[in-house]
Protein backbone atom coordinates (compact mmCIF):
# COMPACT_ATOMS: atom_id res chain seq x y z
CA UNK A 1 0.49 27.50 53.59
CA UNK A 2 2.65 30.13 55.26
CA UNK A 3 6.22 30.40 53.89
CA UNK A 4 7.62 30.07 57.38
CA UNK A 5 5.94 26.71 58.06
CA UNK A 6 7.58 24.72 55.29
CA UNK A 7 11.11 24.84 53.90
CA UNK A 8 10.94 24.29 50.17
CA UNK A 9 13.53 22.24 48.37
CA UNK A 10 15.76 23.64 45.64
CA UNK A 11 13.91 21.55 43.05
CA UNK A 12 10.59 23.00 44.18
CA UNK A 13 11.74 26.56 43.69
CA UNK A 14 14.19 26.44 40.80
CA UNK A 15 13.27 23.52 38.58
CA UNK A 16 9.47 23.36 38.77
CA UNK A 17 7.79 24.91 35.69
CA UNK A 18 6.46 28.41 36.24
CA UNK A 19 2.67 28.28 35.58
CA UNK A 20 -0.63 29.35 37.10
CA UNK A 21 -1.29 25.89 38.56
CA UNK A 22 1.85 25.96 40.70
CA UNK A 23 1.56 26.30 44.47
CA UNK A 24 1.41 30.08 45.26
CA UNK A 25 4.26 29.93 47.76
CA UNK A 26 6.46 28.24 45.15
CA UNK A 27 5.47 30.91 42.65
CA UNK A 28 6.59 33.66 45.02
CA UNK A 29 9.91 32.03 45.80
CA UNK A 30 10.52 31.19 42.16
CA UNK A 31 9.90 34.80 41.17
CA UNK A 32 12.26 36.03 43.87
CA UNK A 33 14.95 33.57 42.82
CA UNK A 34 14.60 34.50 39.16
CA UNK A 35 14.87 38.17 40.09
CA UNK A 36 17.99 37.40 42.15
CA UNK A 37 19.69 35.84 39.14
CA UNK A 38 18.68 38.80 36.97
CA UNK A 39 20.30 41.20 39.43
CA UNK A 40 23.53 39.19 39.28
CA UNK A 41 23.27 39.42 35.50
CA UNK A 42 22.94 43.22 35.70
CA UNK A 43 26.04 43.37 37.90
CA UNK A 44 27.97 41.26 35.39
CA UNK A 45 27.00 43.36 32.39
CA UNK A 46 27.59 46.62 34.28
CA UNK A 47 31.10 45.74 35.44
CA UNK A 48 32.38 43.65 32.54
CA UNK A 49 30.84 43.87 29.07
CA UNK A 50 33.46 41.49 27.67
CA UNK A 51 32.76 38.74 30.19
CA UNK A 52 29.02 39.34 29.91
CA UNK A 53 29.15 38.92 26.13
CA UNK A 54 30.94 35.60 26.54
CA UNK A 55 28.41 34.38 29.12
CA UNK A 56 25.50 35.19 26.81
CA UNK A 57 26.60 32.32 24.57
CA UNK A 58 25.95 29.75 27.29
CA UNK A 59 22.77 27.75 27.76
CA UNK A 60 20.26 29.55 29.98
CA UNK A 61 20.65 27.40 33.09
CA UNK A 62 24.44 27.53 32.96
CA UNK A 63 24.43 31.22 32.08
CA UNK A 64 22.42 32.12 35.17
CA UNK A 65 24.74 30.13 37.39
CA UNK A 66 27.82 31.87 35.99
CA UNK A 67 26.16 35.25 36.49
CA UNK A 68 25.58 34.36 40.14
CA UNK A 69 29.22 33.39 40.63
CA UNK A 70 30.41 36.62 39.02
CA UNK A 71 27.98 38.67 41.13
CA UNK A 72 29.36 37.14 44.32
CA UNK A 73 33.02 37.64 43.45
CA UNK A 74 32.44 41.12 42.00
CA UNK A 75 30.68 42.45 45.09
CA UNK A 76 33.41 40.98 47.29
CA UNK A 77 36.08 42.56 45.10
CA UNK A 78 34.34 45.93 45.13
CA UNK A 79 34.24 45.91 48.91
CA UNK A 80 38.03 45.69 49.15
CA UNK A 81 38.84 47.82 46.08
CA UNK A 82 36.27 50.62 46.00
CA UNK A 83 34.51 51.39 49.26
CA UNK A 84 37.33 53.44 50.76
CA UNK A 85 35.04 55.72 52.81
CA UNK A 86 33.61 52.75 54.70
CA UNK A 87 34.88 50.11 57.09
CA UNK A 88 35.84 47.56 54.42
CA UNK A 89 36.88 44.89 56.90
CA UNK A 90 33.48 45.07 58.60
CA UNK A 91 31.64 45.04 55.26
CA UNK A 92 33.52 41.96 54.08
CA UNK A 93 32.94 40.16 57.37
CA UNK A 94 29.22 40.92 57.17
CA UNK A 95 29.09 39.78 53.54
CA UNK A 96 30.76 36.49 54.47
CA UNK A 97 28.49 36.00 57.48
CA UNK A 98 25.39 36.75 55.42
CA UNK A 99 26.48 34.23 52.78
CA UNK A 100 26.77 31.42 55.31
CA UNK A 101 23.41 32.34 56.81
CA UNK A 102 21.96 32.18 53.30
CA UNK A 103 23.63 28.83 52.71
CA UNK A 104 22.23 27.41 55.93
CA UNK A 105 18.75 28.86 55.47
CA UNK A 106 18.45 28.25 51.73
CA UNK A 107 17.52 31.87 51.08
CA UNK A 108 18.84 35.42 51.46
CA UNK A 109 17.16 38.79 51.11
CA UNK A 110 20.40 39.91 49.43
CA UNK A 111 19.71 38.90 45.79
CA UNK A 112 23.41 38.39 44.98
CA UNK A 113 23.88 36.02 47.91
CA UNK A 114 20.55 34.35 47.21
CA UNK A 115 21.42 33.48 43.62
CA UNK A 116 24.92 32.38 44.61
CA UNK A 117 23.79 30.06 47.39
CA UNK A 118 21.35 28.41 44.97
CA UNK A 119 24.20 27.81 42.51
CA UNK A 120 26.50 26.50 45.26
CA UNK A 121 23.85 24.01 46.36
CA UNK A 122 22.73 22.97 42.89
CA UNK A 123 26.19 22.37 41.43
CA UNK A 124 27.99 21.18 44.55
CA UNK A 125 30.57 23.95 44.74
CA UNK A 126 32.80 22.96 47.69
CA UNK A 127 33.26 25.39 50.54
CA UNK A 128 37.06 25.27 50.38
CA UNK A 129 36.89 27.15 47.04
CA UNK A 130 34.71 29.87 48.56
CA UNK A 131 36.96 30.17 51.60
CA UNK A 132 40.07 30.42 49.44
CA UNK A 133 38.45 33.24 47.47
CA UNK A 134 37.37 35.15 50.58
CA UNK A 135 40.84 34.68 52.05
CA UNK A 136 42.39 36.46 49.05
CA UNK A 137 39.91 39.30 49.50
CA UNK A 138 41.00 39.57 53.13
CA UNK A 139 44.63 39.64 52.01
CA UNK A 140 43.83 42.72 49.91
CA UNK A 141 42.71 44.49 53.08
CA UNK A 142 46.04 44.07 54.87
CA UNK A 143 48.76 43.35 52.30
CA UNK A 144 49.84 45.80 49.61
CA UNK A 145 52.99 44.12 48.30
CA UNK A 146 53.44 40.44 47.41
CA UNK A 147 57.16 40.12 47.99
CA UNK A 148 57.63 36.43 47.20
CA UNK A 149 56.48 34.12 44.45
CA UNK A 150 54.67 32.02 47.04
CA UNK A 151 52.63 35.01 48.22
CA UNK A 152 51.67 35.83 44.64
CA UNK A 153 50.68 32.23 43.93
CA UNK A 154 48.52 31.97 47.06
CA UNK A 155 46.74 35.19 46.18
CA UNK A 156 46.14 34.23 42.54
CA UNK A 157 44.86 30.80 43.53
CA UNK A 158 42.26 32.33 45.83
CA UNK A 159 41.31 35.33 43.73
CA UNK A 160 41.16 33.66 40.31
CA UNK A 161 41.92 29.95 40.06
CA UNK A 162 39.13 28.93 42.43
CA UNK A 163 36.69 31.11 40.47
CA UNK A 164 37.59 29.08 37.40
CA UNK A 165 36.96 25.92 39.41
CA UNK A 166 33.56 27.20 40.57
CA UNK A 167 32.62 27.80 36.94
CA UNK A 168 33.94 24.37 35.99
CA UNK A 169 31.60 22.76 38.53
CA UNK A 170 28.75 24.36 36.61
CA UNK A 171 30.07 23.47 33.15
CA UNK A 172 30.51 19.74 33.83
CA UNK A 173 26.99 19.33 35.28
CA UNK A 174 28.01 16.85 37.94
CA UNK A 175 30.46 14.81 35.85
CA UNK A 176 33.16 14.28 38.46
CA UNK A 177 35.52 12.49 36.10
CA UNK A 178 35.42 15.39 33.64
CA UNK A 179 35.87 17.88 36.48
CA UNK A 180 38.97 16.08 37.71
CA UNK A 181 40.33 15.86 34.17
CA UNK A 182 39.89 19.60 33.53
CA UNK A 183 40.77 20.93 36.99
CA UNK A 184 44.37 21.88 36.18
CA UNK A 185 43.36 23.54 32.89
CA UNK A 186 40.71 25.59 34.67
CA UNK A 187 43.23 26.74 37.26
CA UNK A 188 45.76 27.67 34.56
CA UNK A 189 43.14 29.68 32.69
CA UNK A 190 42.02 31.50 35.83
CA UNK A 191 45.63 32.31 36.68
CA UNK A 192 46.32 33.58 33.15
CA UNK A 193 43.23 35.79 33.19
CA UNK A 194 44.21 37.26 36.55
CA UNK A 195 47.79 38.03 35.50
CA UNK A 196 46.51 39.77 32.37
CA UNK A 197 44.19 41.78 34.60
CA UNK A 198 47.12 42.73 36.81
CA UNK A 199 49.14 43.90 33.81
CA UNK A 200 46.21 45.82 32.34
CA UNK A 201 45.33 47.46 35.68
CA UNK A 202 48.87 48.07 36.93
CA UNK A 203 48.44 51.84 36.75
CA UNK A 204 45.39 51.88 39.04
CA UNK A 205 46.75 49.17 41.31
CA UNK A 206 49.96 51.11 41.96
CA UNK A 207 48.56 54.65 41.99
CA UNK A 208 45.11 54.26 43.58
CA UNK A 209 45.36 51.06 45.63
CA UNK A 210 49.10 51.12 46.37
CA UNK A 211 49.37 47.41 45.51
CA UNK A 212 51.98 45.35 43.71
CA UNK A 213 51.04 41.80 42.86
CA UNK A 214 54.24 40.73 41.05
CA UNK A 215 57.17 40.06 43.36
CA UNK A 216 59.63 40.66 40.52
CA UNK A 217 58.44 44.24 40.09
CA UNK A 218 59.06 44.88 43.78
CA UNK A 219 62.65 43.68 43.46
CA UNK A 220 63.63 45.63 40.34
CA UNK A 221 60.70 47.84 39.39
CA UNK A 222 58.20 47.25 36.60
CA UNK A 223 60.56 47.16 33.64
CA UNK A 224 60.20 45.73 30.13
CA UNK A 225 62.23 42.72 31.25
CA UNK A 226 59.88 42.05 34.16
CA UNK A 227 56.83 42.60 31.98
CA UNK A 228 58.10 40.24 29.27
CA UNK A 229 58.87 37.52 31.82
CA UNK A 230 55.28 37.74 33.08
CA UNK A 231 53.91 37.72 29.52
CA UNK A 232 55.92 34.58 28.72
CA UNK A 233 54.56 32.90 31.84
CA UNK A 234 50.98 33.77 30.86
CA UNK A 235 51.52 32.44 27.34
CA UNK A 236 52.49 29.06 28.79
CA UNK A 237 49.37 29.01 30.97
CA UNK A 238 47.18 29.87 28.00
CA UNK A 239 48.72 27.01 26.00
CA UNK A 240 48.08 24.53 28.83
CA UNK A 241 44.53 25.75 29.45
CA UNK A 242 43.55 25.51 25.79
CA UNK A 243 43.71 21.73 25.90
CA UNK A 244 41.05 21.79 28.60
CA UNK A 245 38.83 24.27 26.77
CA UNK A 246 38.58 21.87 23.82
CA UNK A 247 37.07 19.24 26.14
CA UNK A 248 34.34 21.42 27.65
CA UNK A 249 30.81 20.24 26.91
CA UNK A 250 28.23 22.03 24.77
CA UNK A 251 27.98 25.80 24.60
CA UNK A 252 30.28 26.13 27.60
CA UNK A 253 33.15 25.72 25.17
CA UNK A 254 32.01 28.70 23.07
CA UNK A 255 31.67 31.00 26.06
CA UNK A 256 35.02 30.11 27.58
CA UNK A 257 36.76 30.23 24.19
CA UNK A 258 35.42 33.75 23.62
CA UNK A 259 36.93 34.90 26.91
CA UNK A 260 40.16 33.05 26.04
CA UNK A 261 40.48 34.84 22.68
CA UNK A 262 39.72 38.20 24.29
CA UNK A 263 42.39 37.82 26.97
CA UNK A 264 44.95 36.53 24.48
CA UNK A 265 44.34 39.60 22.32
CA UNK A 266 44.66 41.81 25.40
CA UNK A 267 47.92 40.08 26.33
CA UNK A 268 49.28 40.69 22.83
CA UNK A 269 48.49 44.38 23.13
CA UNK A 270 50.18 44.49 26.53
CA UNK A 271 53.22 42.71 25.10
CA UNK A 272 53.56 45.40 22.41
CA UNK A 273 53.17 48.25 24.93
CA UNK A 274 56.32 49.41 26.78
CA UNK A 275 56.23 48.92 30.54
CA UNK A 276 56.53 52.66 31.11
CA UNK A 277 53.39 53.26 29.04
CA UNK A 278 51.44 50.59 30.95
CA UNK A 279 52.19 52.50 34.14
CA UNK A 280 50.49 55.51 32.61
CA UNK A 281 47.45 54.08 30.83
CA UNK A 282 45.05 51.14 30.77
CA UNK A 283 45.09 49.24 27.49
CA UNK A 284 41.75 48.23 25.98
CA UNK A 285 40.34 46.12 23.17
CA UNK A 286 37.98 47.99 20.78
CA UNK A 287 34.33 46.88 20.81
CA UNK A 288 34.47 45.83 17.16
CA UNK A 289 37.39 43.53 17.89
CA UNK A 290 35.44 41.99 20.79
CA UNK A 291 32.59 41.16 18.40
CA UNK A 292 35.00 39.63 15.90
CA UNK A 293 36.58 37.48 18.62
CA UNK A 294 33.13 36.30 19.70
CA UNK A 295 32.30 35.31 16.12
CA UNK A 296 35.65 33.56 15.80
CA UNK A 297 34.92 31.45 18.88
CA UNK A 298 31.40 30.67 17.71
CA UNK A 299 32.38 29.44 14.27
CA UNK A 300 35.49 27.62 15.50
CA UNK A 301 33.30 25.55 17.82
CA UNK A 302 30.37 25.07 15.46
CA UNK A 303 32.62 24.00 12.60
CA UNK A 304 34.82 21.91 14.93
CA UNK A 305 37.97 23.72 13.88
CA UNK A 306 39.73 23.68 17.25
CA UNK A 307 43.11 22.00 17.16
C-alpha cells in the first residue's frame, strides 16, 4: 500500500512492536519517528548536559517525549537568540507554520517538529500552552526591556511555566486529577528555573542580546539588593514546587528532582556571587557536583527520604 493512500494512526506508528512481520509502511514510518526522537535527544544533550542527564533517569517512553519538547523549545529559542545574520521573524513564523502543518498532517519532514507533534497528540498537550510559548519567543524579537512586573510575569509564563506544564502532561500519563493538583507546582518550578537562568546568563543577555528581564534592574541597575530580592523570590518558588515534585509518579520524580537540586545549587552559587561579578562572568556547577546531585536525587527517591 502506498503511504499516500492511507493515513496511519499514532498507535500504528508509535506503539506497535517493531518486528519483521509488521506492515512495511508502518515499519518505515516507525523508523522515521524513532529517528526524529533521537534527533531531539541529540539536540538536548548538545545544548544542555545537565538537563539531559536528568532526563536519562526517566522511563524510555517519557524520556523520548521530554526530549521532543526540549527540541521544540530549544530550536525556537535559538531562532530568536542566535541567528542574528538571518531574518529571525521570518524563521520563527515558518517554524510555527510548519508545526501546525505537522500537527494537521500527523507528520513533518522536520524531525524536531515530527517528534513534537507526536508527543502533543499522544499526551494531549493543549494548544494554548504552545501558543503562550511561541508568543514569548515573539516578544524576544521586539522587546528588549521588561519594564513592569506584569511584563516579566507574562514572559516567564510563556517561556518557562508552560514548558513545565507540557512536561507535566507527559509525567501524569493522562491522569487529569493529578495534573490539576500539580499544575501550580509545575508553574512555580518552571518560573524558578527561568529566573535562575536569567541570573546565570545576565552577562550575555545584557551584553550580546541587549535584554533585561527583571524590571527592578531597569529601575535601579543590577545591584546586590536587586539580585538578593530575586534570589529570595526564587527560593519561595522552589519551596512551593517541592511539594509537587514529591507527588510525581514513578521515575519522573527522580528526573525532576535531579534538575531541582541542580538549579538550587546554581542559585546558591549565584547568591554568594556579587552582582558586579555576575555581570562579568557566567557561574557554573562542576561536572562532579552534577553527578553527586544526580546520585542524591536517585537515592532520596529510591529510599523514600523526601520530606
